[in-house]
Amino acid sequence: KHKAEERRRFPLERRLKEHIIGQEGAINTVASAIRRKENGWYDEEHPLVFLFLGSSGIGKTELAKQVARYMHKDIKKGFIRMDMSEFQEKHEVAKFIGSPPGYVGHEEGGQLTKLLRACPNAVVLFDEVDKAHPDVLTIMLQLFDEGRLTDGKGKTIECKDAIFIMTSNVASDEIAQHALQLRQEAEQVSRRKLADNLEDVQKSDDIKISRQFKESVIRPILKAHFRRDEFLGRINEIVYFLPFCHSELLQLVSKELNFWAKKVREHNLYSYF
């Protein structure tokens, strides 16, 4: 009850925006989906699955970490990060879920299964999922579809309450170009409205990816890369991360400078920017 009251007073959107610069659309999409899951609007037998799309360095991993901090007090157990570039070969499935009986490493277990057994409702980040071998994606599909995972020892882990977040740079160029075009169009509209002294001027950083762009441009790229509709079909939300606009870049620089200024002061030194 105390936890529910705390979340009402400090909703997820508010918490995330304290730590994430920009990406308001991504934050709202993720927070809304988590709220729907908590309120029973998603099938309780399936875990919540996100695919974060966008260029490197614009907040995908950080947003996943902040979701984990919101959901779990113990971030070390509650946040699991898997670098999928380590699972590019067929034989590396064994590292993922553990080797079957009679094979080397059977007693060690798999990287994912060990961590999920310790925290079945963790926030799990599959970083750069586009690099994973198709056999690893098959394991992930089972995980997303059934909400459980069977390790190399034959033991099943129930993890339907986990949140799975995949990140990918697939289609990042197309997303960046589309965002740039939308910002340019918004700036032109703003200038016209200002010239005509009209109210309701749209900010150039207040843009949204259109449904038509998602369906006609992004969806075919994802299908061509992953080559399986059932895998894409188990994703609850595809979340788009846009390149930073000018004002957001200034905020980032200011935040970084303040961080290092604090570090310097801790050593009894002072810096001025």
C-alpha atoms as a PDB file:
ATOM      1  CA  LYS A   1       0.000   0.000   0.000  1.00  0.00           C
ATOM      2  CA  HIS A   2       2.818   2.394   0.900  1.00  0.00           C
ATOM      3  CA  LYS A   3       4.547   1.564  -2.388  1.00  0.00           C
ATOM      4  CA  ALA A   4       1.363   2.267  -4.392  1.00  0.00           C
ATOM      5  CA  GLU A   5       0.873   5.599  -2.612  1.00  0.00           C
ATOM      6  CA  GLU A   6       4.490   6.525  -3.285  1.00  0.00           C
ATOM      7  CA  ARG A   7       4.023   5.821  -7.001  1.00  0.00           C
ATOM      8  CA  ARG A   8       0.865   7.943  -7.126  1.00  0.00           C
ATOM      9  CA  ARG A   9       2.710  10.896  -5.635  1.00  0.00           C
ATOM     10  CA  PHE A  10       5.806  10.385  -7.784  1.00  0.00           C
ATOM     11  CA  PRO A  11       4.617   8.900 -11.097  1.00  0.00           C
ATOM     12  CA  LEU A  12       7.088   7.216 -13.404  1.00  0.00           C
ATOM     13  CA  GLU A  13       7.043  10.015 -15.991  1.00  0.00           C
ATOM     14  CA  ARG A  14       8.096  12.539 -13.366  1.00  0.00           C
ATOM     15  CA  ARG A  15      10.903  10.312 -12.074  1.00  0.00           C
ATOM     16  CA  LEU A  16      12.232   9.601 -15.555  1.00  0.00           C
ATOM     17  CA  LYS A  17      12.187  13.250 -16.647  1.00  0.00           C
ATOM     18  CA  GLU A  18      14.346  14.127 -13.636  1.00  0.00           C
ATOM     19  CA  HIS A  19      17.135  11.974 -15.074  1.00  0.00           C
ATOM     20  CA  ILE A  20      16.541  11.880 -18.844  1.00  0.00           C
ATOM     21  CA  ILE A  21      17.010  14.950 -21.044  1.00  0.00           C
ATOM     22  CA  GLY A  22      14.558  15.150 -23.931  1.00  0.00           C
ATOM     23  CA  GLN A  23      12.933  11.952 -25.267  1.00  0.00           C
ATOM     24  CA  GLU A  24       9.543  12.983 -23.883  1.00  0.00           C
ATOM     25  CA  GLY A  25       7.726  10.765 -26.377  1.00  0.00           C
ATOM     26  CA  ALA A  26       9.798   7.728 -25.382  1.00  0.00           C
ATOM     27  CA  ILE A  27       9.291   8.409 -21.667  1.00  0.00           C
ATOM     28  CA  ASN A  28       5.512   8.759 -22.039  1.00  0.00           C
ATOM     29  CA  THR A  29       5.253   5.583 -24.143  1.00  0.00           C
ATOM     30  CA  VAL A  30       7.228   3.481 -21.644  1.00  0.00           C
ATOM     31  CA  ALA A  31       5.493   4.877 -18.557  1.00  0.00           C
ATOM     32  CA  SER A  32       2.018   4.404 -20.058  1.00  0.00           C
ATOM     33  CA  ALA A  33       2.759   0.791 -21.002  1.00  0.00           C
ATOM     34  CA  ILE A  34       4.080  -0.033 -17.516  1.00  0.00           C
ATOM     35  CA  ARG A  35       1.001   1.553 -15.948  1.00  0.00           C
ATOM     36  CA  ARG A  36      -1.308  -0.476 -18.216  1.00  0.00           C
ATOM     37  CA  LYS A  37       0.548  -3.653 -17.239  1.00  0.00           C
ATOM     38  CA  GLU A  38       0.255  -2.849 -13.530  1.00  0.00           C
ATOM     39  CA  ASN A  39      -3.470  -2.129 -13.932  1.00  0.00           C
ATOM     40  CA  GLY A  40      -4.131  -5.420 -15.718  1.00  0.00           C
ATOM     41  CA  TRP A  41      -4.678  -4.096 -19.244  1.00  0.00           C
ATOM     42  CA  TYR A  42      -2.074  -6.462 -20.690  1.00  0.00           C
ATOM     43  CA  ASP A  43      -2.227 -10.260 -20.604  1.00  0.00           C
ATOM     44  CA  GLU A  44      -0.824 -11.225 -17.209  1.00  0.00           C
ATOM     45  CA  GLU A  45       0.698 -14.411 -18.636  1.00  0.00           C
ATOM     46  CA  HIS A  46       3.120 -12.460 -20.835  1.00  0.00           C
ATOM     47  CA  PRO A  47       5.954 -10.170 -19.749  1.00  0.00           C
ATOM     48  CA  LEU A  48       6.159  -6.588 -20.964  1.00  0.00           C
ATOM     49  CA  VAL A  49       8.462  -6.249 -23.991  1.00  0.00           C
ATOM     50  CA  PHE A  50       9.911  -3.048 -25.483  1.00  0.00           C
ATOM     51  CA  LEU A  51      12.122  -2.372 -28.491  1.00  0.00           C
ATOM     52  CA  PHE A  52      14.073   0.901 -28.190  1.00  0.00           C
ATOM     53  CA  LEU A  53      15.132   2.260 -31.586  1.00  0.00           C
ATOM     54  CA  GLY A  54      17.512   5.145 -32.263  1.00  0.00           C
ATOM     55  CA  SER A  55      21.118   6.224 -32.617  1.00  0.00           C
ATOM     56  CA  SER A  56      23.797   5.511 -30.007  1.00  0.00           C
ATOM     57  CA  GLY A  57      24.220   7.931 -27.104  1.00  0.00           C
ATOM     58  CA  ILE A  58      20.715   9.404 -26.946  1.00  0.00           C
ATOM     59  CA  GLY A  59      19.344   7.757 -23.804  1.00  0.00           C
ATOM     60  CA  LYS A  60      18.147   4.219 -24.617  1.00  0.00           C
ATOM     61  CA  THR A  61      20.264   2.440 -21.998  1.00  0.00           C
ATOM     62  CA  GLU A  62      19.835   5.211 -19.434  1.00  0.00           C
ATOM     63  CA  LEU A  63      16.038   5.053 -19.724  1.00  0.00           C
ATOM     64  CA  ALA A  64      16.154   1.290 -19.103  1.00  0.00           C
ATOM     65  CA  LYS A  65      18.314   1.857 -15.994  1.00  0.00           C
ATOM     66  CA  GLN A  66      15.961   4.503 -14.631  1.00  0.00           C
ATOM     67  CA  VAL A  67      12.953   2.208 -15.124  1.00  0.00           C
ATOM     68  CA  ALA A  68      14.820  -0.435 -13.101  1.00  0.00           C
ATOM     69  CA  ARG A  69      15.576   2.101 -10.347  1.00  0.00           C
ATOM     70  CA  TYR A  70      11.888   2.975 -10.189  1.00  0.00           C
ATOM     71  CA  MET A  71      10.760  -0.664 -10.055  1.00  0.00           C
ATOM     72  CA  HIS A  72      13.432  -2.050  -7.700  1.00  0.00           C
ATOM     73  CA  LYS A  73      15.219  -0.843  -4.598  1.00  0.00           C
ATOM     74  CA  ASP A  74      18.163  -3.163  -5.270  1.00  0.00           C
ATOM     75  CA  ILE A  75      19.346  -1.997  -8.693  1.00  0.00           C
ATOM     76  CA  LYS A  76      22.163  -4.575  -8.750  1.00  0.00           C
ATOM     77  CA  LYS A  77      19.666  -7.446  -8.760  1.00  0.00           C
ATOM     78  CA  GLY A  78      16.768  -5.608 -10.383  1.00  0.00           C
ATOM     79  CA  PHE A  79      18.633  -4.554 -13.536  1.00  0.00           C
ATOM     80  CA  ILE A  80      20.118  -7.198 -15.829  1.00  0.00           C
ATOM     81  CA  ARG A  81      22.134  -6.079 -18.847  1.00  0.00           C
ATOM     82  CA  MET A  82      23.004  -8.522 -21.608  1.00  0.00           C
ATOM     83  CA  ASP A  83      25.405  -7.382 -24.333  1.00  0.00           C
ATOM     84  CA  MET A  84      23.999  -9.218 -27.347  1.00  0.00           C
ATOM     85  CA  SER A  85      27.189  -8.730 -29.358  1.00  0.00           C
ATOM     86  CA  GLU A  86      28.518 -11.562 -27.155  1.00  0.00           C
ATOM     87  CA  PHE A  87      25.904 -13.934 -28.592  1.00  0.00           C
ATOM     88  CA  GLN A  88      26.545 -13.705 -32.328  1.00  0.00           C
ATOM     89  CA  GLU A  89      27.501 -17.368 -32.846  1.00  0.00           C
ATOM     90  CA  LYS A  90      25.266 -20.439 -32.709  1.00  0.00           C
ATOM     91  CA  HIS A  91      27.255 -22.139 -29.935  1.00  0.00           C
ATOM     92  CA  GLU A  92      26.888 -19.076 -27.692  1.00  0.00           C
ATOM     93  CA  VAL A  93      23.288 -20.049 -26.922  1.00  0.00           C
ATOM     94  CA  ALA A  94      24.896 -22.180 -24.185  1.00  0.00           C
ATOM     95  CA  LYS A  95      26.301 -19.033 -22.546  1.00  0.00           C
ATOM     96  CA  PHE A  96      22.793 -17.577 -22.599  1.00  0.00           C
ATOM     97  CA  ILE A  97      20.792 -20.352 -20.900  1.00  0.00           C
ATOM     98  CA  GLY A  98      23.461 -22.891 -19.916  1.00  0.00           C
ATOM     99  CA  SER A  99      24.878 -26.044 -21.505  1.00  0.00           C
ATOM    100  CA  PRO A 100      22.793 -29.241 -21.632  1.00  0.00           C
ATOM    101  CA  PRO A 101      23.845 -32.299 -19.543  1.00  0.00           C
ATOM    102  CA  GLY A 102      27.121 -33.880 -20.626  1.00  0.00           C
ATOM    103  CA  TYR A 103      28.536 -30.675 -22.114  1.00  0.00           C
ATOM    104  CA  VAL A 104      31.306 -28.449 -20.780  1.00  0.00           C
ATOM    105  CA  GLY A 105      29.974 -25.741 -18.456  1.00  0.00           C
ATOM    106  CA  HIS A 106      26.737 -27.580 -17.618  1.00  0.00           C
ATOM    107  CA  GLU A 107      27.144 -26.996 -13.880  1.00  0.00           C
ATOM    108  CA  GLU A 108      27.847 -23.277 -14.335  1.00  0.00           C
ATOM    109  CA  GLY A 109      24.447 -22.417 -15.806  1.00  0.00           C
ATOM    110  CA  GLY A 110      23.664 -19.630 -18.254  1.00  0.00           C
ATOM    111  CA  GLN A 111      24.301 -15.912 -17.790  1.00  0.00           C
ATOM    112  CA  LEU A 112      20.647 -14.925 -18.213  1.00  0.00           C
ATOM    113  CA  THR A 113      19.096 -17.850 -16.355  1.00  0.00           C
ATOM    114  CA  LYS A 114      21.283 -17.361 -13.255  1.00  0.00           C
ATOM    115  CA  LEU A 115      20.393 -13.680 -13.003  1.00  0.00           C
ATOM    116  CA  LEU A 116      16.677 -14.182 -13.694  1.00  0.00           C
ATOM    117  CA  ARG A 117      16.467 -16.916 -11.080  1.00  0.00           C
ATOM    118  CA  ALA A 118      17.794 -14.424  -8.521  1.00  0.00           C
ATOM    119  CA  CYS A 119      15.244 -11.767  -9.575  1.00  0.00           C
ATOM    120  CA  PRO A 120      12.395 -13.097 -11.786  1.00  0.00           C
ATOM    121  CA  ASN A 121      10.746  -9.650 -12.051  1.00  0.00           C
ATOM    122  CA  ALA A 122      13.911  -7.801 -13.083  1.00  0.00           C
ATOM    123  CA  VAL A 123      14.215  -5.183 -15.807  1.00  0.00           C
ATOM    124  CA  VAL A 124      16.280  -7.003 -18.450  1.00  0.00           C
ATOM    125  CA  LEU A 125      18.154  -5.025 -21.103  1.00  0.00           C
ATOM    126  CA  PHE A 126      19.134  -6.860 -24.290  1.00  0.00           C
ATOM    127  CA  ASP A 127      21.610  -4.336 -25.676  1.00  0.00           C
ATOM    128  CA  GLU A 128      22.132  -4.279 -29.475  1.00  0.00           C
ATOM    129  CA  VAL A 129      19.699  -7.143 -30.013  1.00  0.00           C
ATOM    130  CA  ASP A 130      20.174  -6.897 -33.784  1.00  0.00           C
ATOM    131  CA  LYS A 131      23.607  -8.533 -33.325  1.00  0.00           C
ATOM    132  CA  ALA A 132      22.271 -11.700 -31.681  1.00  0.00           C
ATOM    133  CA  HIS A 133      22.315 -15.059 -33.492  1.00  0.00           C
ATOM    134  CA  PRO A 134      18.878 -16.237 -34.761  1.00  0.00           C
ATOM    135  CA  ASP A 135      18.978 -19.192 -32.326  1.00  0.00           C
ATOM    136  CA  VAL A 136      19.318 -16.739 -29.438  1.00  0.00           C
ATOM    137  CA  LEU A 137      16.316 -14.819 -30.785  1.00  0.00           C
ATOM    138  CA  THR A 138      14.376 -18.107 -30.746  1.00  0.00           C
ATOM    139  CA  ILE A 139      15.126 -18.471 -27.025  1.00  0.00           C
ATOM    140  CA  MET A 140      14.029 -14.877 -26.475  1.00  0.00           C
ATOM    141  CA  LEU A 141      10.789 -15.502 -28.394  1.00  0.00           C
ATOM    142  CA  GLN A 142       9.994 -18.380 -26.032  1.00  0.00           C
ATOM    143  CA  LEU A 143      10.755 -16.085 -23.114  1.00  0.00           C
ATOM    144  CA  PHE A 144       8.477 -13.316 -24.429  1.00  0.00           C
ATOM    145  CA  ASP A 145       5.703 -15.678 -25.527  1.00  0.00           C
ATOM    146  CA  GLU A 146       5.461 -17.966 -22.511  1.00  0.00           C
ATOM    147  CA  GLY A 147       6.844 -15.786 -19.725  1.00  0.00           C
ATOM    148  CA  ARG A 148       9.178 -18.584 -18.696  1.00  0.00           C
ATOM    149  CA  LEU A 149      12.639 -19.845 -19.541  1.00  0.00           C
ATOM    150  CA  THR A 150      14.059 -23.363 -19.264  1.00  0.00           C
ATOM    151  CA  ASP A 151      17.779 -23.565 -18.551  1.00  0.00           C
ATOM    152  CA  GLY A 152      20.324 -26.188 -19.617  1.00  0.00           C
ATOM    153  CA  LYS A 153      19.559 -28.235 -16.494  1.00  0.00           C
ATOM    154  CA  GLY A 154      15.872 -28.469 -17.403  1.00  0.00           C
ATOM    155  CA  LYS A 155      14.764 -26.111 -14.632  1.00  0.00           C
ATOM    156  CA  THR A 156      12.076 -23.561 -15.504  1.00  0.00           C
ATOM    157  CA  ILE A 157      12.149 -19.936 -14.388  1.00  0.00           C
ATOM    158  CA  GLU A 158       8.828 -18.075 -14.298  1.00  0.00           C
ATOM    159  CA  CYS A 159       9.445 -14.479 -15.332  1.00  0.00           C
ATOM    160  CA  LYS A 160       6.124 -13.144 -16.623  1.00  0.00           C
ATOM    161  CA  ASP A 161       6.496 -10.162 -14.263  1.00  0.00           C
ATOM    162  CA  ALA A 162       9.846  -9.137 -15.746  1.00  0.00           C
ATOM    163  CA  ILE A 163      10.225  -6.183 -18.122  1.00  0.00           C
ATOM    164  CA  PHE A 164      12.306  -6.910 -21.209  1.00  0.00           C
ATOM    165  CA  ILE A 165      13.879  -4.022 -23.113  1.00  0.00           C
ATOM    166  CA  MET A 166      15.756  -4.533 -26.370  1.00  0.00           C
ATOM    167  CA  THR A 167      17.844  -1.775 -27.938  1.00  0.00           C
ATOM    168  CA  SER A 168      18.860  -1.526 -31.573  1.00  0.00           C
ATOM    169  CA  ASN A 169      20.473   0.902 -34.011  1.00  0.00           C
ATOM    170  CA  VAL A 170      18.514  -0.623 -36.900  1.00  0.00           C
ATOM    171  CA  ALA A 171      16.773   2.171 -38.871  1.00  0.00           C
ATOM    172  CA  SER A 172      18.515   4.839 -36.748  1.00  0.00           C
ATOM    173  CA  ASP A 173      19.523   6.845 -39.843  1.00  0.00           C
ATOM    174  CA  GLU A 174      15.951   6.861 -41.136  1.00  0.00           C
ATOM    175  CA  ILE A 175      14.603   7.942 -37.737  1.00  0.00           C
ATOM    176  CA  ALA A 176      17.190  10.740 -37.443  1.00  0.00           C
ATOM    177  CA  GLN A 177      16.468  12.058 -40.945  1.00  0.00           C
ATOM    178  CA  HIS A 178      12.711  11.960 -40.352  1.00  0.00           C
ATOM    179  CA  ALA A 179      13.097  13.822 -37.042  1.00  0.00           C
ATOM    180  CA  LEU A 180      15.239  16.483 -38.723  1.00  0.00           C
ATOM    181  CA  GLN A 181      12.608  16.939 -41.430  1.00  0.00           C
ATOM    182  CA  LEU A 182       9.823  17.243 -38.831  1.00  0.00           C
ATOM    183  CA  ARG A 183      11.798  19.842 -36.864  1.00  0.00           C
ATOM    184  CA  GLN A 184      12.442  21.907 -39.990  1.00  0.00           C
ATOM    185  CA  GLU A 185       8.736  21.816 -40.862  1.00  0.00           C
ATOM    186  CA  ALA A 186       7.792  22.783 -37.292  1.00  0.00           C
ATOM    187  CA  GLU A 187      10.226  25.728 -37.394  1.00  0.00           C
ATOM    188  CA  GLN A 188       8.706  26.961 -40.665  1.00  0.00           C
ATOM    189  CA  VAL A 189       5.192  26.768 -39.200  1.00  0.00           C
ATOM    190  CA  SER A 190       6.363  28.580 -36.047  1.00  0.00           C
ATOM    191  CA  ARG A 191       7.931  31.387 -38.058  1.00  0.00           C
ATOM    192  CA  ARG A 192       4.741  31.848 -40.081  1.00  0.00           C
ATOM    193  CA  LYS A 193       2.606  31.960 -36.936  1.00  0.00           C
ATOM    194  CA  LEU A 194       4.957  34.443 -35.282  1.00  0.00           C
ATOM    195  CA  ALA A 195       4.856  36.624 -38.389  1.00  0.00           C
ATOM    196  CA  ASP A 196       1.049  36.544 -38.306  1.00  0.00           C
ATOM    197  CA  ASN A 197       0.959  37.090 -34.505  1.00  0.00           C
ATOM    198  CA  LEU A 198      -0.900  33.813 -34.024  1.00  0.00           C
ATOM    199  CA  GLU A 199      -1.038  31.933 -30.726  1.00  0.00           C
ATOM    200  CA  ASP A 200      -0.333  28.220 -30.223  1.00  0.00           C
ATOM    201  CA  VAL A 201       3.150  28.302 -31.722  1.00  0.00           C
ATOM    202  CA  GLN A 202       4.598  24.782 -31.928  1.00  0.00           C
ATOM    203  CA  LYS A 203       8.112  24.336 -30.592  1.00  0.00           C
ATOM    204  CA  SER A 204      10.503  22.722 -33.064  1.00  0.00           C
ATOM    205  CA  ASP A 205      11.506  20.128 -30.449  1.00  0.00           C
ATOM    206  CA  ASP A 206       7.853  19.149 -29.841  1.00  0.00           C
ATOM    207  CA  ILE A 207       7.548  16.583 -32.640  1.00  0.00           C
ATOM    208  CA  LYS A 208       6.079  13.105 -32.988  1.00  0.00           C
ATOM    209  CA  ILE A 209       6.909  10.252 -35.334  1.00  0.00           C
ATOM    210  CA  SER A 210       3.880   9.624 -37.547  1.00  0.00           C
ATOM    211  CA  ARG A 211       2.093   6.281 -37.705  1.00  0.00           C
ATOM    212  CA  GLN A 212       2.474   6.320 -41.489  1.00  0.00           C
ATOM    213  CA  PHE A 213       6.282   6.603 -41.167  1.00  0.00           C
ATOM    214  CA  LYS A 214       6.385   3.762 -38.634  1.00  0.00           C
ATOM    215  CA  GLU A 215       4.345   1.434 -40.834  1.00  0.00           C
ATOM    216  CA  SER A 216       5.727   2.305 -44.281  1.00  0.00           C
ATOM    217  CA  VAL A 217       9.414   2.898 -43.421  1.00  0.00           C
ATOM    218  CA  ILE A 218      10.396   1.337 -40.080  1.00  0.00           C
ATOM    219  CA  ARG A 219       8.297  -1.842 -40.058  1.00  0.00           C
ATOM    220  CA  PRO A 220       9.711  -3.156 -43.397  1.00  0.00           C
ATOM    221  CA  ILE A 221      13.287  -2.510 -42.173  1.00  0.00           C
ATOM    222  CA  LEU A 222      12.634  -4.469 -38.965  1.00  0.00           C
ATOM    223  CA  LYS A 223      10.996  -7.321 -40.893  1.00  0.00           C
ATOM    224  CA  ALA A 224      13.941  -7.505 -43.296  1.00  0.00           C
ATOM    225  CA  HIS A 225      16.430  -7.638 -40.426  1.00  0.00           C
ATOM    226  CA  PHE A 226      14.748  -9.984 -37.936  1.00  0.00           C
ATOM    227  CA  ARG A 227      12.971 -12.072 -40.626  1.00  0.00           C
ATOM    228  CA  ARG A 228      10.232 -13.316 -38.314  1.00  0.00           C
ATOM    229  CA  ASP A 229       6.865 -11.696 -37.795  1.00  0.00           C
ATOM    230  CA  GLU A 230       6.183 -13.662 -34.607  1.00  0.00           C
ATOM    231  CA  PHE A 231       9.220 -12.082 -32.916  1.00  0.00           C
ATOM    232  CA  LEU A 232       8.080  -8.550 -33.772  1.00  0.00           C
ATOM    233  CA  GLY A 233       4.529  -9.522 -32.825  1.00  0.00           C
ATOM    234  CA  ARG A 234       5.536 -10.155 -29.205  1.00  0.00           C
ATOM    235  CA  ILE A 235       6.816  -6.598 -28.747  1.00  0.00           C
ATOM    236  CA  ASN A 236       4.305  -4.493 -26.807  1.00  0.00           C
ATOM    237  CA  GLU A 237       5.800  -1.126 -27.733  1.00  0.00           C
ATOM    238  CA  ILE A 238       8.387   0.013 -30.260  1.00  0.00           C
ATOM    239  CA  VAL A 239       9.868   3.168 -28.719  1.00  0.00           C
ATOM    240  CA  TYR A 240      11.516   5.833 -30.876  1.00  0.00           C
ATOM    241  CA  PHE A 241      14.459   7.891 -29.609  1.00  0.00           C
ATOM    242  CA  LEU A 242      15.054  11.105 -31.548  1.00  0.00           C
ATOM    243  CA  PRO A 243      18.337  13.016 -31.959  1.00  0.00           C
ATOM    244  CA  PHE A 244      18.721  15.887 -29.493  1.00  0.00           C
ATOM    245  CA  CYS A 245      17.611  19.338 -30.579  1.00  0.00           C
ATOM    246  CA  HIS A 246      19.739  22.439 -29.881  1.00  0.00           C
ATOM    247  CA  SER A 247      18.173  23.270 -26.503  1.00  0.00           C
ATOM    248  CA  GLU A 248      18.527  19.653 -25.323  1.00  0.00           C
ATOM    249  CA  LEU A 249      22.197  19.619 -26.315  1.00  0.00           C
ATOM    250  CA  LEU A 250      22.740  22.746 -24.207  1.00  0.00           C
ATOM    251  CA  GLN A 251      21.063  21.008 -21.248  1.00  0.00           C
ATOM    252  CA  LEU A 252      23.325  17.981 -21.720  1.00  0.00           C
ATOM    253  CA  VAL A 253      26.467  20.116 -21.777  1.00  0.00           C
ATOM    254  CA  SER A 254      25.338  21.996 -18.670  1.00  0.00           C
ATOM    255  CA  LYS A 255      24.552  18.744 -16.839  1.00  0.00           C
ATOM    256  CA  GLU A 256      27.943  17.262 -17.742  1.00  0.00           C
ATOM    257  CA  LEU A 257      29.835  20.395 -16.682  1.00  0.00           C
ATOM    258  CA  ASN A 258      27.991  20.489 -13.357  1.00  0.00           C
ATOM    259  CA  PHE A 259      28.813  16.808 -12.790  1.00  0.00           C
ATOM    260  CA  TRP A 260      32.536  17.351 -13.296  1.00  0.00           C
ATOM    261  CA  ALA A 261      32.526  20.590 -11.306  1.00  0.00           C
ATOM    262  CA  LYS A 262      31.093  18.622  -8.373  1.00  0.00           C
ATOM    263  CA  LYS A 263      33.812  15.974  -8.777  1.00  0.00           C
ATOM    264  CA  VAL A 264      36.490  18.675  -8.767  1.00  0.00           C
ATOM    265  CA  ARG A 265      35.064  20.296  -5.601  1.00  0.00           C
ATOM    266  CA  GLU A 266      35.181  16.927  -3.828  1.00  0.00           C
ATOM    267  CA  HIS A 267      38.968  17.153  -4.180  1.00  0.00           C
ATOM    268  CA  ASN A 268      38.993  20.705  -2.760  1.00  0.00           C
ATOM    269  CA  LEU A 269      39.586  22.215  -6.183  1.00  0.00           C
ATOM    270  CA  TYR A 270      37.435  24.767  -7.967  1.00  0.00           C
ATOM    271  CA  SER A 271      36.563  25.297 -11.600  1.00  0.00           C
ATOM    272  CA  TYR A 272      34.614  28.021 -13.376  1.00  0.00           C
ATOM    273  CA  PHE A 273      32.673  27.679 -16.638  1.00  0.00           C
END
